[in-house]
Amino acid sequence: MSLLKITTFQTYLFWENIDKNLQNIGLRLSSIREKTDIIVLPEMFTTGFSMNATHLAEPMEGRTMQWMHDQARKFDCVVTGSIIIKERGSYFNRLIWMRQDGSYEKYDKRHLFGLGKEDDIYKAGNTKLFVELKGWTIFPAICYDLRFPVWLRNNNIEYDMLLIVANWPERRSLHWRTLIPARAIENQVYVVAVNRVGHDGNEVYHSGDSMCIDPSGNVVYYKPNDDDLYTFTISKEALEKNRRAFPFLKDADGFKLLDLMD
């Protein structure tokens, strides 16, 4: 039986203050006492959802990458979340999947939030990331990606868990709380979604609502409004039992995405 232990940190983010966020998150993580496999942080966890990339972007060899490696090594687990990166003259909202040994994978947010002018500042990614951990295939995505089911569709049963990191505002929390269970049910996967809490520098309030939903749409974990560092376990055996009992994915339409641009 393959169990995966996940620690999510729904946290307040200090606006555009990398040092303070790294200090605060590191301090809070130090309270973890049980062994975990993954620590999940929100989208842009060092800055909040900022368009001030010119002043906030870091290189791939920057301090936050080193900090993530330090935390992964300290807790002997993967650490993941997204940060603002500058590479080859472009800015990216980039999720980092940092392993204990310092090796990592990256995913650049595919769907940029036009309502917030994110697409004016950042360059969109065009490649999905699938990572393997303890017999699980995990598909990381970022915030606004949640609204686009074709991108997230579990085509040919490619993945077992969808991981969403976000800065999703409270004013649209109904959409968040509706779409996450929908993605779990339609793709027959666990969905782990980690949001931030509190007001950002634009006075936009975030209510958290971080959650884990199982393939049947049942709530494994849900937390509104407050900072919360929480560890829970999900079961691959339960996932496979669901897929055997309800083999819906074999009847799905096959397709390929052909319009991705460099």
C-alpha atoms as a PDB file:
ATOM      1  CA  MET A   1       0.000   0.000   0.000  1.00  0.00           C
ATOM      2  CA  SER A   2       1.568   3.285  -1.134  1.00  0.00           C
ATOM      3  CA  LEU A   3       0.790   6.119   1.232  1.00  0.00           C
ATOM      4  CA  LEU A   4       1.803   9.700   0.593  1.00  0.00           C
ATOM      5  CA  LYS A   5       2.128  12.124   3.488  1.00  0.00           C
ATOM      6  CA  ILE A   6       1.585  15.757   2.532  1.00  0.00           C
ATOM      7  CA  THR A   7       2.145  18.908   4.588  1.00  0.00           C
ATOM      8  CA  THR A   8       0.331  21.996   3.337  1.00  0.00           C
ATOM      9  CA  PHE A   9       1.024  25.503   4.580  1.00  0.00           C
ATOM     10  CA  GLN A  10      -1.809  27.969   4.099  1.00  0.00           C
ATOM     11  CA  THR A  11      -0.089  31.151   5.186  1.00  0.00           C
ATOM     12  CA  TYR A  12      -0.261  34.925   5.233  1.00  0.00           C
ATOM     13  CA  LEU A  13       2.260  36.449   2.815  1.00  0.00           C
ATOM     14  CA  PHE A  14       4.082  39.707   3.485  1.00  0.00           C
ATOM     15  CA  TRP A  15       3.669  41.879   0.422  1.00  0.00           C
ATOM     16  CA  GLU A  16       6.748  41.950  -1.815  1.00  0.00           C
ATOM     17  CA  ASN A  17       9.033  41.089   1.098  1.00  0.00           C
ATOM     18  CA  ILE A  18      11.135  38.073   0.219  1.00  0.00           C
ATOM     19  CA  ASP A  19      13.275  38.142   3.352  1.00  0.00           C
ATOM     20  CA  LYS A  20      10.319  38.370   5.716  1.00  0.00           C
ATOM     21  CA  ASN A  21       8.386  35.603   3.976  1.00  0.00           C
ATOM     22  CA  LEU A  22      11.330  33.224   3.959  1.00  0.00           C
ATOM     23  CA  GLN A  23      11.990  33.968   7.618  1.00  0.00           C
ATOM     24  CA  ASN A  24       8.344  33.517   8.611  1.00  0.00           C
ATOM     25  CA  ILE A  25       7.788  30.344   6.600  1.00  0.00           C
ATOM     26  CA  GLY A  26      11.047  28.828   7.806  1.00  0.00           C
ATOM     27  CA  LEU A  27      10.120  29.573  11.416  1.00  0.00           C
ATOM     28  CA  ARG A  28       6.690  28.013  11.038  1.00  0.00           C
ATOM     29  CA  LEU A  29       8.025  24.937   9.256  1.00  0.00           C
ATOM     30  CA  SER A  30      10.407  24.354  12.158  1.00  0.00           C
ATOM     31  CA  SER A  31       7.400  23.186  14.185  1.00  0.00           C
ATOM     32  CA  ILE A  32       6.971  20.114  11.954  1.00  0.00           C
ATOM     33  CA  ARG A  33       7.672  17.049  14.052  1.00  0.00           C
ATOM     34  CA  GLU A  34       6.426  14.150  11.930  1.00  0.00           C
ATOM     35  CA  LYS A  35       8.062  12.799   8.786  1.00  0.00           C
ATOM     36  CA  THR A  36       6.417  14.068   5.619  1.00  0.00           C
ATOM     37  CA  ASP A  37       6.942  13.434   1.905  1.00  0.00           C
ATOM     38  CA  ILE A  38       6.024  16.867   0.498  1.00  0.00           C
ATOM     39  CA  ILE A  39       5.747  20.392   1.892  1.00  0.00           C
ATOM     40  CA  VAL A  40       3.456  22.521  -0.284  1.00  0.00           C
ATOM     41  CA  LEU A  41       3.622  26.339  -0.205  1.00  0.00           C
ATOM     42  CA  PRO A  42       1.342  28.796  -2.063  1.00  0.00           C
ATOM     43  CA  GLU A  43       1.834  30.537  -5.391  1.00  0.00           C
ATOM     44  CA  MET A  44       4.475  33.305  -5.273  1.00  0.00           C
ATOM     45  CA  PHE A  45       5.111  32.424  -1.639  1.00  0.00           C
ATOM     46  CA  THR A  46       7.991  34.901  -1.288  1.00  0.00           C
ATOM     47  CA  THR A  47       6.143  37.985  -2.564  1.00  0.00           C
ATOM     48  CA  GLY A  48       2.400  37.557  -2.894  1.00  0.00           C
ATOM     49  CA  PHE A  49       0.792  37.812  -6.344  1.00  0.00           C
ATOM     50  CA  SER A  50       2.834  40.776  -7.530  1.00  0.00           C
ATOM     51  CA  MET A  51       3.375  42.218 -10.991  1.00  0.00           C
ATOM     52  CA  ASN A  52       6.533  43.984  -9.764  1.00  0.00           C
ATOM     53  CA  ALA A  53       8.762  41.396 -11.385  1.00  0.00           C
ATOM     54  CA  THR A  54      11.467  43.914 -12.312  1.00  0.00           C
ATOM     55  CA  HIS A  55      12.380  44.354  -8.649  1.00  0.00           C
ATOM     56  CA  LEU A  56      11.383  40.980  -7.228  1.00  0.00           C
ATOM     57  CA  ALA A  57      12.499  38.365  -9.758  1.00  0.00           C
ATOM     58  CA  GLU A  58      15.339  36.046  -8.793  1.00  0.00           C
ATOM     59  CA  PRO A  59      17.680  33.973 -10.939  1.00  0.00           C
ATOM     60  CA  MET A  60      17.495  30.194 -10.779  1.00  0.00           C
ATOM     61  CA  GLU A  61      20.608  30.200  -8.596  1.00  0.00           C
ATOM     62  CA  GLY A  62      19.073  32.782  -6.241  1.00  0.00           C
ATOM     63  CA  ARG A  63      18.461  32.759  -2.499  1.00  0.00           C
ATOM     64  CA  THR A  64      14.973  31.253  -2.614  1.00  0.00           C
ATOM     65  CA  MET A  65      16.201  28.244  -4.578  1.00  0.00           C
ATOM     66  CA  GLN A  66      18.924  27.758  -1.958  1.00  0.00           C
ATOM     67  CA  TRP A  67      16.351  28.220   0.832  1.00  0.00           C
ATOM     68  CA  MET A  68      14.110  25.571  -0.737  1.00  0.00           C
ATOM     69  CA  HIS A  69      17.028  23.159  -0.951  1.00  0.00           C
ATOM     70  CA  ASP A  70      17.901  23.848   2.692  1.00  0.00           C
ATOM     71  CA  GLN A  71      14.323  23.099   3.779  1.00  0.00           C
ATOM     72  CA  ALA A  72      14.080  19.979   1.618  1.00  0.00           C
ATOM     73  CA  ARG A  73      17.326  18.677   3.102  1.00  0.00           C
ATOM     74  CA  LYS A  74      16.288  19.619   6.650  1.00  0.00           C
ATOM     75  CA  PHE A  75      12.946  17.799   6.466  1.00  0.00           C
ATOM     76  CA  ASP A  76      14.122  15.061   4.096  1.00  0.00           C
ATOM     77  CA  CYS A  77      11.221  15.713   1.714  1.00  0.00           C
ATOM     78  CA  VAL A  78      10.209  17.551  -1.444  1.00  0.00           C
ATOM     79  CA  VAL A  79       9.426  21.263  -1.044  1.00  0.00           C
ATOM     80  CA  THR A  80       7.276  22.941  -3.685  1.00  0.00           C
ATOM     81  CA  GLY A  81       5.621  26.289  -4.435  1.00  0.00           C
ATOM     82  CA  SER A  82       5.946  29.018  -7.062  1.00  0.00           C
ATOM     83  CA  ILE A  83       8.254  32.036  -7.157  1.00  0.00           C
ATOM     84  CA  ILE A  84       9.100  34.886  -9.544  1.00  0.00           C
ATOM     85  CA  ILE A  85      12.026  33.946 -11.779  1.00  0.00           C
ATOM     86  CA  LYS A  86      13.960  35.899 -14.421  1.00  0.00           C
ATOM     87  CA  GLU A  87      15.571  33.790 -17.110  1.00  0.00           C
ATOM     88  CA  ARG A  88      16.903  34.740 -20.553  1.00  0.00           C
ATOM     89  CA  GLY A  89      15.359  38.211 -20.280  1.00  0.00           C
ATOM     90  CA  SER A  90      11.846  36.979 -19.467  1.00  0.00           C
ATOM     91  CA  TYR A  91       9.886  36.712 -16.214  1.00  0.00           C
ATOM     92  CA  PHE A  92       8.110  33.528 -15.143  1.00  0.00           C
ATOM     93  CA  ASN A  93       5.654  32.513 -12.445  1.00  0.00           C
ATOM     94  CA  ARG A  94       7.533  29.270 -11.872  1.00  0.00           C
ATOM     95  CA  LEU A  95       6.727  26.319  -9.655  1.00  0.00           C
ATOM     96  CA  ILE A  96       9.797  24.590  -8.268  1.00  0.00           C
ATOM     97  CA  TRP A  97       9.776  20.922  -7.243  1.00  0.00           C
ATOM     98  CA  MET A  98      12.843  20.806  -4.982  1.00  0.00           C
ATOM     99  CA  ARG A  99      14.226  17.475  -3.818  1.00  0.00           C
ATOM    100  CA  GLN A 100      16.407  16.712  -0.805  1.00  0.00           C
ATOM    101  CA  ASP A 101      19.555  16.282  -2.895  1.00  0.00           C
ATOM    102  CA  GLY A 102      19.188  19.686  -4.562  1.00  0.00           C
ATOM    103  CA  SER A 103      17.892  18.351  -7.863  1.00  0.00           C
ATOM    104  CA  TYR A 104      14.669  19.959  -9.012  1.00  0.00           C
ATOM    105  CA  GLU A 105      11.980  20.191 -11.675  1.00  0.00           C
ATOM    106  CA  LYS A 106      10.185  23.325 -12.819  1.00  0.00           C
ATOM    107  CA  TYR A 107       6.802  24.277 -14.257  1.00  0.00           C
ATOM    108  CA  ASP A 108       6.000  27.689 -15.732  1.00  0.00           C
ATOM    109  CA  LYS A 109       2.371  28.739 -15.285  1.00  0.00           C
ATOM    110  CA  ARG A 110       0.528  28.026 -18.508  1.00  0.00           C
ATOM    111  CA  HIS A 111      -2.573  30.212 -18.029  1.00  0.00           C
ATOM    112  CA  LEU A 112      -1.702  33.773 -17.068  1.00  0.00           C
ATOM    113  CA  PHE A 113      -4.387  35.829 -15.320  1.00  0.00           C
ATOM    114  CA  GLY A 114      -5.293  38.482 -17.877  1.00  0.00           C
ATOM    115  CA  LEU A 115      -7.723  40.238 -15.519  1.00  0.00           C
ATOM    116  CA  GLY A 116      -4.747  40.997 -13.279  1.00  0.00           C
ATOM    117  CA  LYS A 117      -2.376  41.851 -16.174  1.00  0.00           C
ATOM    118  CA  GLU A 118      -0.199  38.855 -15.382  1.00  0.00           C
ATOM    119  CA  ASP A 119       0.104  38.181 -19.103  1.00  0.00           C
ATOM    120  CA  ASP A 120       1.630  41.639 -19.600  1.00  0.00           C
ATOM    121  CA  ILE A 121       4.533  40.841 -17.267  1.00  0.00           C
ATOM    122  CA  TYR A 122       5.170  37.111 -17.327  1.00  0.00           C
ATOM    123  CA  LYS A 123       5.828  34.613 -20.078  1.00  0.00           C
ATOM    124  CA  ALA A 124       3.491  31.618 -20.225  1.00  0.00           C
ATOM    125  CA  GLY A 125       4.802  28.090 -20.076  1.00  0.00           C
ATOM    126  CA  ASN A 126       3.941  25.518 -22.717  1.00  0.00           C
ATOM    127  CA  THR A 127       4.950  22.234 -21.102  1.00  0.00           C
ATOM    128  CA  LYS A 128       3.221  20.094 -18.488  1.00  0.00           C
ATOM    129  CA  LEU A 129       5.262  18.672 -15.637  1.00  0.00           C
ATOM    130  CA  PHE A 130       4.708  15.192 -14.246  1.00  0.00           C
ATOM    131  CA  VAL A 131       6.818  14.149 -11.258  1.00  0.00           C
ATOM    132  CA  GLU A 132       7.159  10.754  -9.605  1.00  0.00           C
ATOM    133  CA  LEU A 133       7.207  10.193  -5.864  1.00  0.00           C
ATOM    134  CA  LYS A 134       6.745   6.940  -3.942  1.00  0.00           C
ATOM    135  CA  GLY A 135       4.798   5.317  -6.764  1.00  0.00           C
ATOM    136  CA  TRP A 136       2.611   8.368  -7.396  1.00  0.00           C
ATOM    137  CA  THR A 137       2.565  10.491 -10.538  1.00  0.00           C
ATOM    138  CA  ILE A 138       1.890  14.104  -9.570  1.00  0.00           C
ATOM    139  CA  PHE A 139       0.813  16.915 -11.909  1.00  0.00           C
ATOM    140  CA  PRO A 140       1.621  20.387 -10.512  1.00  0.00           C
ATOM    141  CA  ALA A 141      -0.287  23.450 -11.720  1.00  0.00           C
ATOM    142  CA  ILE A 142      -0.695  27.067 -10.631  1.00  0.00           C
ATOM    143  CA  CYS A 143      -3.845  28.956  -9.594  1.00  0.00           C
ATOM    144  CA  TYR A 144      -5.623  30.157 -12.784  1.00  0.00           C
ATOM    145  CA  ASP A 145      -4.782  26.820 -14.475  1.00  0.00           C
ATOM    146  CA  LEU A 146      -7.612  25.397 -12.361  1.00  0.00           C
ATOM    147  CA  ARG A 147     -10.177  27.018 -14.669  1.00  0.00           C
ATOM    148  CA  PHE A 148      -8.972  25.153 -17.761  1.00  0.00           C
ATOM    149  CA  PRO A 149     -10.077  21.496 -17.716  1.00  0.00           C
ATOM    150  CA  VAL A 150      -8.542  20.595 -21.082  1.00  0.00           C
ATOM    151  CA  TRP A 151      -5.050  21.427 -19.768  1.00  0.00           C
ATOM    152  CA  LEU A 152      -5.719  19.420 -16.610  1.00  0.00           C
ATOM    153  CA  ARG A 153      -7.524  16.489 -18.232  1.00  0.00           C
ATOM    154  CA  ASN A 154      -6.164  13.117 -17.126  1.00  0.00           C
ATOM    155  CA  ASN A 155      -5.623  11.941 -20.700  1.00  0.00           C
ATOM    156  CA  ASN A 156      -4.714   8.215 -20.798  1.00  0.00           C
ATOM    157  CA  ILE A 157      -4.467   8.207 -16.974  1.00  0.00           C
ATOM    158  CA  GLU A 158      -1.267  10.252 -16.916  1.00  0.00           C
ATOM    159  CA  TYR A 159      -1.374  11.175 -13.238  1.00  0.00           C
ATOM    160  CA  ASP A 160      -2.680  10.291  -9.766  1.00  0.00           C
ATOM    161  CA  MET A 161      -2.654  13.630  -7.959  1.00  0.00           C
ATOM    162  CA  LEU A 162      -3.249  17.173  -9.168  1.00  0.00           C
ATOM    163  CA  LEU A 163      -1.360  19.741  -7.093  1.00  0.00           C
ATOM    164  CA  ILE A 164      -2.520  23.373  -7.255  1.00  0.00           C
ATOM    165  CA  VAL A 165      -0.665  26.264  -5.603  1.00  0.00           C
ATOM    166  CA  ALA A 166      -2.544  29.558  -5.590  1.00  0.00           C
ATOM    167  CA  ASN A 167      -3.220  33.146  -4.601  1.00  0.00           C
ATOM    168  CA  TRP A 168      -6.979  32.817  -5.193  1.00  0.00           C
ATOM    169  CA  PRO A 169      -9.083  35.772  -3.933  1.00  0.00           C
ATOM    170  CA  GLU A 170     -11.996  35.351  -1.546  1.00  0.00           C
ATOM    171  CA  ARG A 171     -14.343  37.203  -3.930  1.00  0.00           C
ATOM    172  CA  ARG A 172     -14.209  34.166  -6.226  1.00  0.00           C
ATOM    173  CA  SER A 173     -13.891  31.486  -3.565  1.00  0.00           C
ATOM    174  CA  LEU A 174     -17.133  29.832  -4.712  1.00  0.00           C
ATOM    175  CA  HIS A 175     -15.427  29.048  -8.013  1.00  0.00           C
ATOM    176  CA  TRP A 176     -12.378  27.637  -6.193  1.00  0.00           C
ATOM    177  CA  ARG A 177     -14.535  25.463  -3.936  1.00  0.00           C
ATOM    178  CA  THR A 178     -16.540  24.212  -6.924  1.00  0.00           C
ATOM    179  CA  LEU A 179     -13.768  23.600  -9.453  1.00  0.00           C
ATOM    180  CA  ILE A 180     -11.461  21.610  -7.176  1.00  0.00           C
ATOM    181  CA  PRO A 181     -13.971  18.804  -6.467  1.00  0.00           C
ATOM    182  CA  ALA A 182     -14.943  18.843 -10.148  1.00  0.00           C
ATOM    183  CA  ARG A 183     -11.324  18.286 -11.212  1.00  0.00           C
ATOM    184  CA  ALA A 184     -10.956  15.444  -8.698  1.00  0.00           C
ATOM    185  CA  ILE A 185     -14.116  13.663  -9.846  1.00  0.00           C
ATOM    186  CA  GLU A 186     -13.705  14.112 -13.602  1.00  0.00           C
ATOM    187  CA  ASN A 187     -10.041  13.034 -13.553  1.00  0.00           C
ATOM    188  CA  GLN A 188     -10.365  10.361 -10.834  1.00  0.00           C
ATOM    189  CA  VAL A 189      -7.439  11.777  -8.888  1.00  0.00           C
ATOM    190  CA  TYR A 190      -6.710  13.362  -5.557  1.00  0.00           C
ATOM    191  CA  VAL A 191      -6.539  17.156  -5.779  1.00  0.00           C
ATOM    192  CA  VAL A 192      -4.386  18.998  -3.254  1.00  0.00           C
ATOM    193  CA  ALA A 193      -4.891  22.766  -3.498  1.00  0.00           C
ATOM    194  CA  VAL A 194      -2.962  25.248  -1.335  1.00  0.00           C
ATOM    195  CA  ASN A 195      -3.969  28.909  -1.177  1.00  0.00           C
ATOM    196  CA  ARG A 196      -2.779  31.892   0.881  1.00  0.00           C
ATOM    197  CA  VAL A 197      -4.726  33.917   3.460  1.00  0.00           C
ATOM    198  CA  GLY A 198      -5.037  37.619   4.269  1.00  0.00           C
ATOM    199  CA  HIS A 199      -4.960  40.865   2.322  1.00  0.00           C
ATOM    200  CA  ASP A 200      -2.293  41.510  -0.272  1.00  0.00           C
ATOM    201  CA  GLY A 201      -0.747  44.861  -1.218  1.00  0.00           C
ATOM    202  CA  ASN A 202      -3.706  45.638  -3.469  1.00  0.00           C
ATOM    203  CA  GLU A 203      -6.150  45.102  -0.560  1.00  0.00           C
ATOM    204  CA  VAL A 204      -7.418  41.882  -2.134  1.00  0.00           C
ATOM    205  CA  TYR A 205      -8.498  39.433   0.568  1.00  0.00           C
ATOM    206  CA  HIS A 206      -7.690  35.726   0.347  1.00  0.00           C
ATOM    207  CA  SER A 207      -9.754  33.312   2.422  1.00  0.00           C
ATOM    208  CA  GLY A 208      -7.525  30.287   2.020  1.00  0.00           C
ATOM    209  CA  ASP A 209      -9.939  27.380   1.595  1.00  0.00           C
ATOM    210  CA  SER A 210      -6.998  25.057   1.009  1.00  0.00           C
ATOM    211  CA  MET A 211      -8.175  21.502   0.624  1.00  0.00           C
ATOM    212  CA  CYS A 212      -7.587  17.925  -0.403  1.00  0.00           C
ATOM    213  CA  ILE A 213     -10.385  16.163  -2.280  1.00  0.00           C
ATOM    214  CA  ASP A 214     -10.371  12.450  -3.069  1.00  0.00           C
ATOM    215  CA  PRO A 215     -11.365  10.876  -6.438  1.00  0.00           C
ATOM    216  CA  SER A 216     -14.981  10.492  -5.306  1.00  0.00           C
ATOM    217  CA  GLY A 217     -15.252  14.151  -4.323  1.00  0.00           C
ATOM    218  CA  ASN A 218     -14.946  13.552  -0.589  1.00  0.00           C
ATOM    219  CA  VAL A 219     -13.124  16.081   1.599  1.00  0.00           C
ATOM    220  CA  VAL A 220      -9.877  14.816   3.127  1.00  0.00           C
ATOM    221  CA  TYR A 221      -8.849  18.259   4.376  1.00  0.00           C
ATOM    222  CA  TYR A 222     -10.372  21.737   4.235  1.00  0.00           C
ATOM    223  CA  LYS A 223      -9.389  24.956   5.993  1.00  0.00           C
ATOM    224  CA  PRO A 224     -10.866  28.439   5.489  1.00  0.00           C
ATOM    225  CA  ASN A 225      -9.516  31.809   6.614  1.00  0.00           C
ATOM    226  CA  ASP A 226      -6.687  30.995   9.054  1.00  0.00           C
ATOM    227  CA  ASP A 227      -2.992  30.214   8.784  1.00  0.00           C
ATOM    228  CA  ASP A 228      -2.718  26.444   8.881  1.00  0.00           C
ATOM    229  CA  LEU A 229       0.240  24.081   8.744  1.00  0.00           C
ATOM    230  CA  TYR A 230      -1.314  20.646   8.417  1.00  0.00           C
ATOM    231  CA  THR A 231      -0.174  17.128   7.533  1.00  0.00           C
ATOM    232  CA  PHE A 232      -2.434  14.418   6.129  1.00  0.00           C
ATOM    233  CA  THR A 233      -2.033  11.103   4.298  1.00  0.00           C
ATOM    234  CA  ILE A 234      -3.537   9.900   1.037  1.00  0.00           C
ATOM    235  CA  SER A 235      -3.718   6.309  -0.194  1.00  0.00           C
ATOM    236  CA  LYS A 236      -2.797   4.968  -3.638  1.00  0.00           C
ATOM    237  CA  GLU A 237      -4.697   1.787  -2.809  1.00  0.00           C
ATOM    238  CA  ALA A 238      -7.893   3.810  -2.278  1.00  0.00           C
ATOM    239  CA  LEU A 239      -7.295   5.630  -5.568  1.00  0.00           C
ATOM    240  CA  GLU A 240      -6.842   2.407  -7.509  1.00  0.00           C
ATOM    241  CA  LYS A 241      -9.902   0.864  -5.856  1.00  0.00           C
ATOM    242  CA  ASN A 242     -11.965   3.829  -7.030  1.00  0.00           C
ATOM    243  CA  ARG A 243     -10.693   3.466 -10.597  1.00  0.00           C
ATOM    244  CA  ARG A 244     -11.409  -0.283 -10.634  1.00  0.00           C
ATOM    245  CA  ALA A 245     -14.944   0.195  -9.321  1.00  0.00           C
ATOM    246  CA  PHE A 246     -15.711   3.088 -11.649  1.00  0.00           C
ATOM    247  CA  PRO A 247     -13.592   2.742 -14.828  1.00  0.00           C
ATOM    248  CA  PHE A 248     -14.803   6.022 -16.302  1.00  0.00           C
ATOM    249  CA  LEU A 249     -11.460   7.182 -17.666  1.00  0.00           C
ATOM    250  CA  LYS A 250     -11.286   4.371 -20.221  1.00  0.00           C
ATOM    251  CA  ASP A 251     -14.374   5.857 -21.914  1.00  0.00           C
ATOM    252  CA  ALA A 252     -12.889   9.371 -22.146  1.00  0.00           C
ATOM    253  CA  ASP A 253     -12.170  11.147 -25.416  1.00  0.00           C
ATOM    254  CA  GLY A 254      -8.536  11.016 -26.437  1.00  0.00           C
ATOM    255  CA  PHE A 255      -6.926  14.213 -27.707  1.00  0.00           C
ATOM    256  CA  LYS A 256      -3.672  16.082 -28.210  1.00  0.00           C
ATOM    257  CA  LEU A 257      -2.917  19.743 -27.524  1.00  0.00           C
ATOM    258  CA  LEU A 258      -1.515  21.141 -30.748  1.00  0.00           C
ATOM    259  CA  ASP A 259      -1.556  24.914 -30.266  1.00  0.00           C
ATOM    260  CA  LEU A 260       1.235  25.411 -27.725  1.00  0.00           C
ATOM    261  CA  MET A 261       3.627  28.166 -28.753  1.00  0.00           C
ATOM    262  CA  ASP A 262       7.221  28.838 -27.691  1.00  0.00           C
END
